[in-house]
């Protein structure tokens, strides 16, 4: 039996997540791209990886220790962008703290639990609205719609989230809060 699939992400507050989910639902209804609805609205830090349930406790402890060593910070979402010809997403504004979080997390997991990256692409934070099942022929119409939309939100990042793949979709398995005694974000 194959080890379960996991990934590590940031999930925005419920109100922002609902707005991004509404964009996904629009993409599903108008452009037949439903795949993004299989996961909560999120920003991927560590893309999907297989990890044994026997070693899950070690992974969770490493994530807990890592998260507790971090301070909360702010992220800004602004409008839409794409990876043509298949992916449309909400843009995450450049934030050095986010880049450092992702890099440090990747290094920590590699050193402490032997998790090696499956994906060698550079980190490009975003919140996916449509991908995989967005037909290349439909992409120009979908992109024309989303590139005209305006969306601007800010939110505090206060935790990492470990997600697992179950029954054809991604579910939150655990939330790992940042340093509980300090809050750099108002």
Foldseek 3Di string as FASTA:
>chain_A
DFAFKKFKWFAFPPVVQVVLVVLLVCCCVPQVFNLLVQEGFTWTLAPIDGDHPVCVVQVVVLQQVLQQADAKDKKKWKFWDADPPFWIWTAIPDDVVSLVSSVVVQVSCCVRVNDHGPDPDDRGITTTRGGDPRDSVSRVVSCVVRNPDTDMDMGMGFWMFMWTDDPRGIDTPDTHGYNPPDHPDD
